[in-house]
PDB file of N, CA and C in Angstrom:
ATOM      1  N   ASN A   1      63.254  88.199 208.384  1.00  0.00           N
ATOM      2  CA  ASN A   1      63.308  89.097 208.453  1.00  0.00           C
ATOM      3  C   ASN A   1      64.165  89.950 209.493  1.00  0.00           C
ATOM      4  N   ASP A   2      65.190  90.819 209.273  1.00  0.00           N
ATOM      5  CA  ASP A   2      64.846  91.712 210.092  1.00  0.00           C
ATOM      6  C   ASP A   2      65.079  92.997 210.251  1.00  0.00           C
ATOM      7  N   ASP A   3      64.527  93.820 211.438  1.00  0.00           N
ATOM      8  CA  ASP A   3      64.073  95.075 211.359  1.00  0.00           C
ATOM      9  C   ASP A   3      64.255  96.186 212.418  1.00  0.00           C
ATOM     10  N   GLU A   4      64.523  97.323 212.056  1.00  0.00           N
ATOM     11  CA  GLU A   4      64.879  98.473 213.030  1.00  0.00           C
ATOM     12  C   GLU A   4      63.825  99.670 212.670  1.00  0.00           C
ATOM     13  N   ARG A   5      62.900  99.890 214.102  1.00  0.00           N
ATOM     14  CA  ARG A   5      62.174 101.138 214.046  1.00  0.00           C
ATOM     15  C   ARG A   5      62.441 101.706 214.987  1.00  0.00           C
ATOM     16  N   TYR A   6      62.846 103.268 214.653  1.00  0.00           N
ATOM     17  CA  TYR A   6      62.845 104.574 215.693  1.00  0.00           C
ATOM     18  C   TYR A   6      61.554 104.515 216.092  1.00  0.00           C
ATOM     19  N   VAL A   7      61.933 105.280 217.184  1.00  0.00           N
ATOM     20  CA  VAL A   7      60.808 106.458 218.015  1.00  0.00           C
ATOM     21  C   VAL A   7      61.209 107.593 218.311  1.00  0.00           C
ATOM     22  N   TYR A   8      60.140 109.001 217.957  1.00  0.00           N
ATOM     23  CA  TYR A   8      60.836 110.144 218.324  1.00  0.00           C
ATOM     24  C   TYR A   8      59.550 110.553 219.174  1.00  0.00           C
ATOM     25  N   ASP A   9      60.276 112.010 219.990  1.00  0.00           N
ATOM     26  CA  ASP A   9      59.373 112.474 220.960  1.00  0.00           C
ATOM     27  C   ASP A   9      58.268 113.856 219.928  1.00  0.00           C
ATOM     28  N   GLY A  10      57.876 114.441 220.312  1.00  0.00           N
ATOM     29  CA  GLY A  10      57.540 115.565 220.059  1.00  0.00           C
ATOM     30  C   GLY A  10      58.101 116.657 219.982  1.00  0.00           C
ATOM     31  N   GLN A  11      59.237 116.622 220.392  1.00  0.00           N
ATOM     32  CA  GLN A  11      60.709 117.924 219.193  1.00  0.00           C
ATOM     33  C   GLN A  11      61.556 117.031 218.258  1.00  0.00           C
ATOM     34  N   GLY A  12      61.160 116.046 218.458  1.00  0.00           N
ATOM     35  CA  GLY A  12      62.248 115.352 217.349  1.00  0.00           C
ATOM     36  C   GLY A  12      63.300 114.501 217.517  1.00  0.00           C
ATOM     37  N   GLN A  13      63.146 114.205 218.692  1.00  0.00           N
ATOM     38  CA  GLN A  13      64.408 113.151 219.217  1.00  0.00           C
ATOM     39  C   GLN A  13      63.913 111.852 219.360  1.00  0.00           C
ATOM     40  N   ARG A  14      65.134 111.689 218.871  1.00  0.00           N
ATOM     41  CA  ARG A  14      65.199 109.616 218.759  1.00  0.00           C
ATOM     42  C   ARG A  14      64.727 109.702 220.397  1.00  0.00           C
ATOM     43  N   CYS A  15      63.645 108.788 220.717  1.00  0.00           N
ATOM     44  CA  CYS A  15      63.346 108.339 222.354  1.00  0.00           C
ATOM     45  C   CYS A  15      63.808 106.860 222.087  1.00  0.00           C
ATOM     46  N   ARG A  16      63.546 106.321 221.332  1.00  0.00           N
ATOM     47  CA  ARG A  16      63.809 104.697 220.963  1.00  0.00           C
ATOM     48  C   ARG A  16      63.919 103.570 220.194  1.00  0.00           C
ATOM     49  N   LEU A  17      65.055 103.257 219.977  1.00  0.00           N
ATOM     50  CA  LEU A  17      64.735 102.037 218.917  1.00  0.00           C
ATOM     51  C   LEU A  17      64.533 100.478 219.612  1.00  0.00           C
ATOM     52  N   ILE A  18      64.308  99.997 218.175  1.00  0.00           N
ATOM     53  CA  ILE A  18      63.645  98.854 218.507  1.00  0.00           C
ATOM     54  C   ILE A  18      63.923  97.744 217.247  1.00  0.00           C
ATOM     55  N   SER A  19      64.866  96.740 217.570  1.00  0.00           N
ATOM     56  CA  SER A  19      65.221  96.156 216.228  1.00  0.00           C
ATOM     57  C   SER A  19      65.151  94.761 216.696  1.00  0.00           C
ATOM     58  N   THR A  20      64.659  94.248 215.232  1.00  0.00           N
ATOM     59  CA  THR A  20      64.636  92.324 215.235  1.00  0.00           C
ATOM     60  C   THR A  20      65.512  91.471 215.010  1.00  0.00           C
ATOM     61  N   ALA A  21      65.312  90.455 214.822  1.00  0.00           N
ATOM     62  CA  ALA A  21      66.634  89.481 214.199  1.00  0.00           C
ATOM     63  C   ALA A  21      65.824  88.639 214.370  1.00  0.00           C
ATOM     64  N   GLN A  22      66.204  87.539 213.079  1.00  0.00           N
ATOM     65  CA  GLN A  22      65.637  86.046 212.975  1.00  0.00           C
ATOM     66  C   GLN A  22      67.138  85.718 212.668  1.00  0.00           C
ATOM     67  N   ALA A  23      67.202  84.708 214.202  1.00  0.00           N
ATOM     68  CA  ALA A  23      68.492  83.742 214.520  1.00  0.00           C
ATOM     69  C   ALA A  23      68.075  82.110 214.148  1.00  0.00           C
ATOM     70  N   SER A  24      68.138  81.200 213.749  1.00  0.00           N
ATOM     71  CA  SER A  24      67.921  79.819 214.343  1.00  0.00           C
ATOM     72  C   SER A  24      66.810  79.601 214.782  1.00  0.00           C
ATOM     73  N   GLY A  25      65.344  80.009 214.003  1.00  0.00           N
ATOM     74  CA  GLY A  25      64.466  79.644 214.167  1.00  0.00           C
ATOM     75  C   GLY A  25      63.619  80.922 215.387  1.00  0.00           C
ATOM     76  N   ARG A  26      64.760  81.958 215.818  1.00  0.00           N
ATOM     77  CA  ARG A  26      63.981  82.726 217.130  1.00  0.00           C
ATOM     78  C   ARG A  26      64.293  84.232 216.895  1.00  0.00           C
ATOM     79  N   THR A  27      63.321  84.790 217.372  1.00  0.00           N
ATOM     80  CA  THR A  27      63.435  86.178 217.460  1.00  0.00           C
ATOM     81  C   THR A  27      64.001  86.572 218.591  1.00  0.00           C
ATOM     82  N   LEU A  28      65.086  87.297 217.792  1.00  0.00           N
ATOM     83  CA  LEU A  28      65.865  88.621 218.903  1.00  0.00           C
ATOM     84  C   LEU A  28      65.114  89.715 218.834  1.00  0.00           C
ATOM     85  N   ILE A  29      65.132  90.410 220.164  1.00  0.00           N
ATOM     86  CA  ILE A  29      64.788  92.254 220.199  1.00  0.00           C
ATOM     87  C   ILE A  29      65.597  92.751 220.928  1.00  0.00           C
ATOM     88  N   ASN A  30      66.190  93.480 220.182  1.00  0.00           N
ATOM     89  CA  ASN A  30      66.800  94.868 220.952  1.00  0.00           C
ATOM     90  C   ASN A  30      66.281  95.712 221.000  1.00  0.00           C
ATOM     91  N   GLU A  31      66.003  96.868 222.426  1.00  0.00           N
ATOM     92  CA  GLU A  31      65.780  97.873 222.324  1.00  0.00           C
ATOM     93  C   GLU A  31      66.727  98.384 222.725  1.00  0.00           C
ATOM     94  N   VAL A  32      66.295  99.935 222.872  1.00  0.00           N
ATOM     95  CA  VAL A  32      67.714 101.086 223.158  1.00  0.00           C
ATOM     96  C   VAL A  32      66.495 101.785 223.757  1.00  0.00           C
ATOM     97  N   ARG A  33      66.508 102.338 225.094  1.00  0.00           N
ATOM     98  CA  ARG A  33      65.570 103.605 225.336  1.00  0.00           C
ATOM     99  C   ARG A  33      66.728 104.458 225.653  1.00  0.00           C
ATOM    100  N   TYR A  34      66.422 106.240 225.153  1.00  0.00           N
ATOM    101  CA  TYR A  34      66.825 106.819 224.825  1.00  0.00           C
ATOM    102  C   TYR A  34      67.187 108.300 225.379  1.00  0.00           C
ATOM    103  N   LEU A  35      67.324 108.666 226.644  1.00  0.00           N
ATOM    104  CA  LEU A  35      67.234 109.485 228.422  1.00  0.00           C
ATOM    105  C   LEU A  35      68.277 110.336 227.971  1.00  0.00           C
ATOM    106  N   PRO A  36      68.112 111.777 228.732  1.00  0.00           N
ATOM    107  CA  PRO A  36      68.707 112.861 228.530  1.00  0.00           C
ATOM    108  C   PRO A  36      70.119 112.079 229.521  1.00  0.00           C
ATOM    109  N   GLY A  37      71.422 111.738 228.637  1.00  0.00           N
ATOM    110  CA  GLY A  37      72.488 111.506 229.271  1.00  0.00           C
ATOM    111  C   GLY A  37      72.536 109.936 229.369  1.00  0.00           C
ATOM    112  N   LEU A  38      71.650 108.911 229.339  1.00  0.00           N
ATOM    113  CA  LEU A  38      71.942 107.641 229.219  1.00  0.00           C
ATOM    114  C   LEU A  38      71.328 106.831 228.633  1.00  0.00           C
ATOM    115  N   GLU A  39      71.784 105.567 227.940  1.00  0.00           N
ATOM    116  CA  GLU A  39      71.088 105.050 226.866  1.00  0.00           C
ATOM    117  C   GLU A  39      70.678 103.440 227.697  1.00  0.00           C
ATOM    118  N   ILE A  40      69.369 102.898 227.973  1.00  0.00           N
ATOM    119  CA  ILE A  40      68.895 102.036 228.645  1.00  0.00           C
ATOM    120  C   ILE A  40      68.963 101.023 227.468  1.00  0.00           C
ATOM    121  N   ARG A  41      69.544  99.675 227.753  1.00  0.00           N
ATOM    122  CA  ARG A  41      69.833  99.027 226.188  1.00  0.00           C
ATOM    123  C   ARG A  41      68.791  97.709 226.754  1.00  0.00           C
ATOM    124  N   THR A  42      67.982  96.983 226.431  1.00  0.00           N
ATOM    125  CA  THR A  42      67.617  95.839 227.110  1.00  0.00           C
ATOM    126  C   THR A  42      67.508  94.894 225.338  1.00  0.00           C
ATOM    127  N   THR A  43      67.824  93.292 225.978  1.00  0.00           N
ATOM    128  CA  THR A  43      67.945  92.193 224.943  1.00  0.00           C
ATOM    129  C   THR A  43      66.898  91.061 225.049  1.00  0.00           C
ATOM    130  N   ALA A  44      65.885  90.292 224.276  1.00  0.00           N
ATOM    131  CA  ALA A  44      64.969  89.520 224.479  1.00  0.00           C
ATOM    132  C   ALA A  44      65.311  88.861 223.653  1.00  0.00           C
ATOM    133  N   ASP A  45      65.029  87.388 224.036  1.00  0.00           N
ATOM    134  CA  ASP A  45      64.682  86.216 223.361  1.00  0.00           C
ATOM    135  C   ASP A  45      63.023  85.663 222.741  1.00  0.00           C
ATOM    136  N   GLY A  46      62.122  86.197 221.540  1.00  0.00           N
ATOM    137  CA  GLY A  46      60.903  86.203 221.914  1.00  0.00           C
ATOM    138  C   GLY A  46      60.884  84.941 220.937  1.00  0.00           C
TER     139      GLY A  46
END
């Protein structure tokens, strides 16, 4: 199953997105961290 989760800070601003997807028996994990003026994206094969 695919899943998407958002994390918000104390002021209600989105600070993180974590999404997982199943593909060919593997779990792919994508993460985005939101900083002022910057998005940091990472991908992992779990």
